[in-house]
Amino acid sequence: MIWSGLFAILGTVAGGVVKGYWDDRLAQHKFYSDLVLKALELNSAQDRLDTLKLLVETNLIPESAIQTGVNEYISKHEKNPSAIPQVRSFPAIVVKNARIYLLTGSKDTVQNLEPLQRELVAGGFNVIGAKSIDDSSLAGHTSRR
């Protein structure tokens, strides 16, 4: 009876240690990927490249496998930083089942709606349409961006 209780306690302690170790590893990997994704949010391609270099050079990403991957990515894109994609993050959607309809007052700016619509959909927003409204009553008014 004493032995079974002792084994139960040892099993619980060992399980807690193993689970704690793997939870810590998962949190570290998430932190490193968040750092890289944050670097990719910057507007300037050169800034994205420089920030990735900074993460590796300052050892903010100490794990060698991740550091190697980021270094290879840096060397691949160093001559053409504009090939580094910009990652944009949208805030969490607050209103469930919200729908967005994109409108512009000028046919000249309709081509800007399609990339915006793609980004919004990729961010989890429900975009139900996009078009221009040719309304002469808007003539002379400046639009806000």
C-alpha atoms as a PDB file:
ATOM      1  CA  MET A   1       0.000   0.000   0.000  1.00  0.00           C
ATOM      2  CA  ILE A   2       2.812   2.397   0.883  1.00  0.00           C
ATOM      3  CA  TRP A   3       4.670   1.502  -2.315  1.00  0.00           C
ATOM      4  CA  SER A   4       1.694   2.199  -4.536  1.00  0.00           C
ATOM      5  CA  GLY A   5       1.176   5.600  -2.882  1.00  0.00           C
ATOM      6  CA  LEU A   6       4.857   6.415  -3.298  1.00  0.00           C
ATOM      7  CA  PHE A   7       4.784   5.421  -6.979  1.00  0.00           C
ATOM      8  CA  ALA A   8       1.643   7.506  -7.503  1.00  0.00           C
ATOM      9  CA  ILE A   9       3.348  10.552  -5.993  1.00  0.00           C
ATOM     10  CA  LEU A  10       6.537   9.979  -8.007  1.00  0.00           C
ATOM     11  CA  GLY A  11       4.482   9.523 -11.190  1.00  0.00           C
ATOM     12  CA  THR A  12       2.601  12.755 -10.568  1.00  0.00           C
ATOM     13  CA  VAL A  13       5.814  14.676  -9.875  1.00  0.00           C
ATOM     14  CA  ALA A  14       7.558  13.218 -12.944  1.00  0.00           C
ATOM     15  CA  GLY A  15       4.513  13.988 -15.136  1.00  0.00           C
ATOM     16  CA  GLY A  16       4.428  17.560 -13.847  1.00  0.00           C
ATOM     17  CA  VAL A  17       8.133  18.058 -14.553  1.00  0.00           C
ATOM     18  CA  VAL A  18       7.870  16.675 -18.097  1.00  0.00           C
ATOM     19  CA  LYS A  19       4.745  18.706 -18.863  1.00  0.00           C
ATOM     20  CA  GLY A  20       6.363  21.844 -17.413  1.00  0.00           C
ATOM     21  CA  TYR A  21       9.427  21.324 -19.597  1.00  0.00           C
ATOM     22  CA  TRP A  22       7.398  20.964 -22.801  1.00  0.00           C
ATOM     23  CA  ASP A  23       5.121  23.885 -21.897  1.00  0.00           C
ATOM     24  CA  ASP A  24       8.221  26.034 -21.405  1.00  0.00           C
ATOM     25  CA  ARG A  25       9.678  24.928 -24.765  1.00  0.00           C
ATOM     26  CA  LEU A  26       6.389  25.729 -26.516  1.00  0.00           C
ATOM     27  CA  ALA A  27       6.261  29.192 -24.904  1.00  0.00           C
ATOM     28  CA  GLN A  28       9.851  29.885 -25.999  1.00  0.00           C
ATOM     29  CA  HIS A  29       9.153  28.894 -29.599  1.00  0.00           C
ATOM     30  CA  LYS A  30       6.018  31.047 -29.645  1.00  0.00           C
ATOM     31  CA  PHE A  31       8.019  33.979 -28.292  1.00  0.00           C
ATOM     32  CA  TYR A  32      10.702  33.585 -30.982  1.00  0.00           C
ATOM     33  CA  SER A  33       8.127  33.329 -33.767  1.00  0.00           C
ATOM     34  CA  ASP A  34       6.332  36.404 -32.373  1.00  0.00           C
ATOM     35  CA  LEU A  35       9.635  38.318 -32.472  1.00  0.00           C
ATOM     36  CA  VAL A  36      10.192  37.386 -36.112  1.00  0.00           C
ATOM     37  CA  LEU A  37       6.603  38.207 -37.078  1.00  0.00           C
ATOM     38  CA  LYS A  38       6.846  41.562 -35.285  1.00  0.00           C
ATOM     39  CA  ALA A  39       9.975  42.346 -37.317  1.00  0.00           C
ATOM     40  CA  LEU A  40       8.039  41.558 -40.499  1.00  0.00           C
ATOM     41  CA  GLU A  41       5.310  44.078 -39.628  1.00  0.00           C
ATOM     42  CA  LEU A  42       7.576  47.072 -40.324  1.00  0.00           C
ATOM     43  CA  ASN A  43       6.690  49.213 -43.358  1.00  0.00           C
ATOM     44  CA  SER A  44      10.167  49.484 -44.873  1.00  0.00           C
ATOM     45  CA  ALA A  45      11.688  46.367 -46.437  1.00  0.00           C
ATOM     46  CA  GLN A  46      15.162  47.481 -45.324  1.00  0.00           C
ATOM     47  CA  ASP A  47      13.865  47.932 -41.759  1.00  0.00           C
ATOM     48  CA  ARG A  48      12.453  44.393 -41.830  1.00  0.00           C
ATOM     49  CA  LEU A  49      15.838  43.043 -42.937  1.00  0.00           C
ATOM     50  CA  ASP A  50      17.765  45.108 -40.366  1.00  0.00           C
ATOM     51  CA  THR A  51      15.446  44.017 -37.549  1.00  0.00           C
ATOM     52  CA  LEU A  52      15.853  40.350 -38.460  1.00  0.00           C
ATOM     53  CA  LYS A  53      19.639  40.863 -38.376  1.00  0.00           C
ATOM     54  CA  LEU A  54      19.325  42.563 -34.991  1.00  0.00           C
ATOM     55  CA  LEU A  55      17.363  39.638 -33.555  1.00  0.00           C
ATOM     56  CA  VAL A  56      20.122  37.209 -34.534  1.00  0.00           C
ATOM     57  CA  GLU A  57      23.156  39.389 -33.798  1.00  0.00           C
ATOM     58  CA  THR A  58      21.968  40.376 -30.310  1.00  0.00           C
ATOM     59  CA  ASN A  59      21.105  36.753 -29.536  1.00  0.00           C
ATOM     60  CA  LEU A  60      17.455  37.582 -28.869  1.00  0.00           C
ATOM     61  CA  ILE A  61      16.819  34.296 -30.650  1.00  0.00           C
ATOM     62  CA  PRO A  62      19.351  32.047 -28.926  1.00  0.00           C
ATOM     63  CA  GLU A  63      18.051  28.735 -30.275  1.00  0.00           C
ATOM     64  CA  SER A  64      20.519  27.604 -32.919  1.00  0.00           C
ATOM     65  CA  ALA A  65      18.012  25.978 -35.302  1.00  0.00           C
ATOM     66  CA  ILE A  66      15.857  29.107 -35.448  1.00  0.00           C
ATOM     67  CA  GLN A  67      18.925  31.337 -35.665  1.00  0.00           C
ATOM     68  CA  THR A  68      20.219  29.276 -38.596  1.00  0.00           C
ATOM     69  CA  GLY A  69      16.883  29.547 -40.385  1.00  0.00           C
ATOM     70  CA  VAL A  70      16.692  33.311 -39.898  1.00  0.00           C
ATOM     71  CA  ASN A  71      20.347  33.707 -41.003  1.00  0.00           C
ATOM     72  CA  GLU A  72      19.668  31.724 -44.184  1.00  0.00           C
ATOM     73  CA  TYR A  73      16.583  33.843 -44.858  1.00  0.00           C
ATOM     74  CA  ILE A  74      18.610  37.036 -44.320  1.00  0.00           C
ATOM     75  CA  SER A  75      21.384  35.946 -46.694  1.00  0.00           C
ATOM     76  CA  LYS A  76      18.813  34.918 -49.313  1.00  0.00           C
ATOM     77  CA  HIS A  77      17.101  38.340 -49.223  1.00  0.00           C
ATOM     78  CA  GLU A  78      20.021  40.642 -48.393  1.00  0.00           C
ATOM     79  CA  LYS A  79      20.486  41.810 -51.986  1.00  0.00           C
ATOM     80  CA  ASN A  80      16.748  42.291 -52.521  1.00  0.00           C
ATOM     81  CA  PRO A  81      15.063  43.227 -49.219  1.00  0.00           C
ATOM     82  CA  SER A  82      11.884  44.223 -51.045  1.00  0.00           C
ATOM     83  CA  ALA A  83      11.219  40.485 -51.487  1.00  0.00           C
ATOM     84  CA  ILE A  84      10.731  40.173 -47.726  1.00  0.00           C
ATOM     85  CA  PRO A  85       6.965  40.170 -47.216  1.00  0.00           C
ATOM     86  CA  GLN A  86       5.307  42.581 -44.855  1.00  0.00           C
ATOM     87  CA  VAL A  87       3.097  40.841 -42.335  1.00  0.00           C
ATOM     88  CA  ARG A  88       0.171  42.862 -41.076  1.00  0.00           C
ATOM     89  CA  SER A  89      -1.747  41.983 -37.993  1.00  0.00           C
ATOM     90  CA  PHE A  90      -5.330  43.011 -37.483  1.00  0.00           C
ATOM     91  CA  PRO A  91      -6.899  43.488 -34.091  1.00  0.00           C
ATOM     92  CA  ALA A  92      -9.264  40.791 -32.918  1.00  0.00           C
ATOM     93  CA  ILE A  93     -12.762  41.045 -34.313  1.00  0.00           C
ATOM     94  CA  VAL A  94     -14.995  42.388 -31.569  1.00  0.00           C
ATOM     95  CA  VAL A  95     -18.426  42.177 -33.207  1.00  0.00           C
ATOM     96  CA  LYS A  96     -19.437  38.686 -34.246  1.00  0.00           C
ATOM     97  CA  ASN A  97     -21.038  38.376 -37.699  1.00  0.00           C
ATOM     98  CA  ALA A  98     -19.972  41.917 -38.623  1.00  0.00           C
ATOM     99  CA  ARG A  99     -19.963  42.638 -42.352  1.00  0.00           C
ATOM    100  CA  ILE A 100     -17.869  45.202 -44.202  1.00  0.00           C
ATOM    101  CA  TYR A 101     -18.800  46.839 -47.489  1.00  0.00           C
ATOM    102  CA  LEU A 102     -16.041  48.874 -49.118  1.00  0.00           C
ATOM    103  CA  LEU A 103     -17.043  52.029 -50.980  1.00  0.00           C
ATOM    104  CA  THR A 104     -15.118  54.712 -52.794  1.00  0.00           C
ATOM    105  CA  GLY A 105     -16.388  57.955 -54.261  1.00  0.00           C
ATOM    106  CA  SER A 106     -14.160  57.786 -57.310  1.00  0.00           C
ATOM    107  CA  LYS A 107     -13.763  55.224 -60.078  1.00  0.00           C
ATOM    108  CA  ASP A 108     -10.048  56.109 -60.097  1.00  0.00           C
ATOM    109  CA  THR A 109      -9.574  54.532 -56.667  1.00  0.00           C
ATOM    110  CA  VAL A 110     -11.565  51.330 -57.256  1.00  0.00           C
ATOM    111  CA  GLN A 111      -8.371  49.387 -57.972  1.00  0.00           C
ATOM    112  CA  ASN A 112      -7.270  50.115 -54.380  1.00  0.00           C
ATOM    113  CA  LEU A 113     -10.243  48.228 -52.962  1.00  0.00           C
ATOM    114  CA  GLU A 114      -9.235  44.758 -54.155  1.00  0.00           C
ATOM    115  CA  PRO A 115      -5.933  44.474 -52.220  1.00  0.00           C
ATOM    116  CA  LEU A 116      -7.613  46.012 -49.176  1.00  0.00           C
ATOM    117  CA  GLN A 117     -10.440  43.494 -49.453  1.00  0.00           C
ATOM    118  CA  ARG A 118      -7.932  40.594 -49.638  1.00  0.00           C
ATOM    119  CA  GLU A 119      -6.101  41.847 -46.540  1.00  0.00           C
ATOM    120  CA  LEU A 120      -9.318  42.252 -44.572  1.00  0.00           C
ATOM    121  CA  VAL A 121     -10.527  38.767 -45.520  1.00  0.00           C
ATOM    122  CA  ALA A 122      -7.113  37.316 -44.583  1.00  0.00           C
ATOM    123  CA  GLY A 123      -7.466  39.079 -41.220  1.00  0.00           C
ATOM    124  CA  GLY A 124     -10.774  37.304 -40.570  1.00  0.00           C
ATOM    125  CA  PHE A 125     -13.164  40.073 -41.557  1.00  0.00           C
ATOM    126  CA  ASN A 126     -16.304  39.356 -43.580  1.00  0.00           C
ATOM    127  CA  VAL A 127     -16.148  41.666 -46.621  1.00  0.00           C
ATOM    128  CA  ILE A 128     -19.414  41.365 -48.519  1.00  0.00           C
ATOM    129  CA  GLY A 129     -18.617  43.688 -51.408  1.00  0.00           C
ATOM    130  CA  ALA A 130     -16.711  46.599 -52.854  1.00  0.00           C
ATOM    131  CA  LYS A 131     -17.634  49.252 -55.415  1.00  0.00           C
ATOM    132  CA  SER A 132     -17.443  52.912 -56.306  1.00  0.00           C
ATOM    133  CA  ILE A 133     -20.324  55.302 -55.976  1.00  0.00           C
ATOM    134  CA  ASP A 134     -20.326  58.040 -58.563  1.00  0.00           C
ATOM    135  CA  ASP A 135     -22.184  60.632 -56.532  1.00  0.00           C
ATOM    136  CA  SER A 136     -22.007  64.186 -57.865  1.00  0.00           C
ATOM    137  CA  SER A 137     -23.076  65.504 -54.456  1.00  0.00           C
ATOM    138  CA  LEU A 138     -19.652  64.472 -53.173  1.00  0.00           C
ATOM    139  CA  ALA A 139     -17.891  66.706 -55.702  1.00  0.00           C
ATOM    140  CA  GLY A 140     -15.637  69.231 -54.038  1.00  0.00           C
ATOM    141  CA  HIS A 141     -15.432  67.319 -50.770  1.00  0.00           C
ATOM    142  CA  THR A 142     -12.126  65.829 -49.781  1.00  0.00           C
ATOM    143  CA  SER A 143     -12.143  62.220 -48.736  1.00  0.00           C
ATOM    144  CA  ARG A 144     -10.302  60.915 -45.724  1.00  0.00           C
ATOM    145  CA  ARG A 145      -7.997  57.951 -46.004  1.00  0.00           C
END
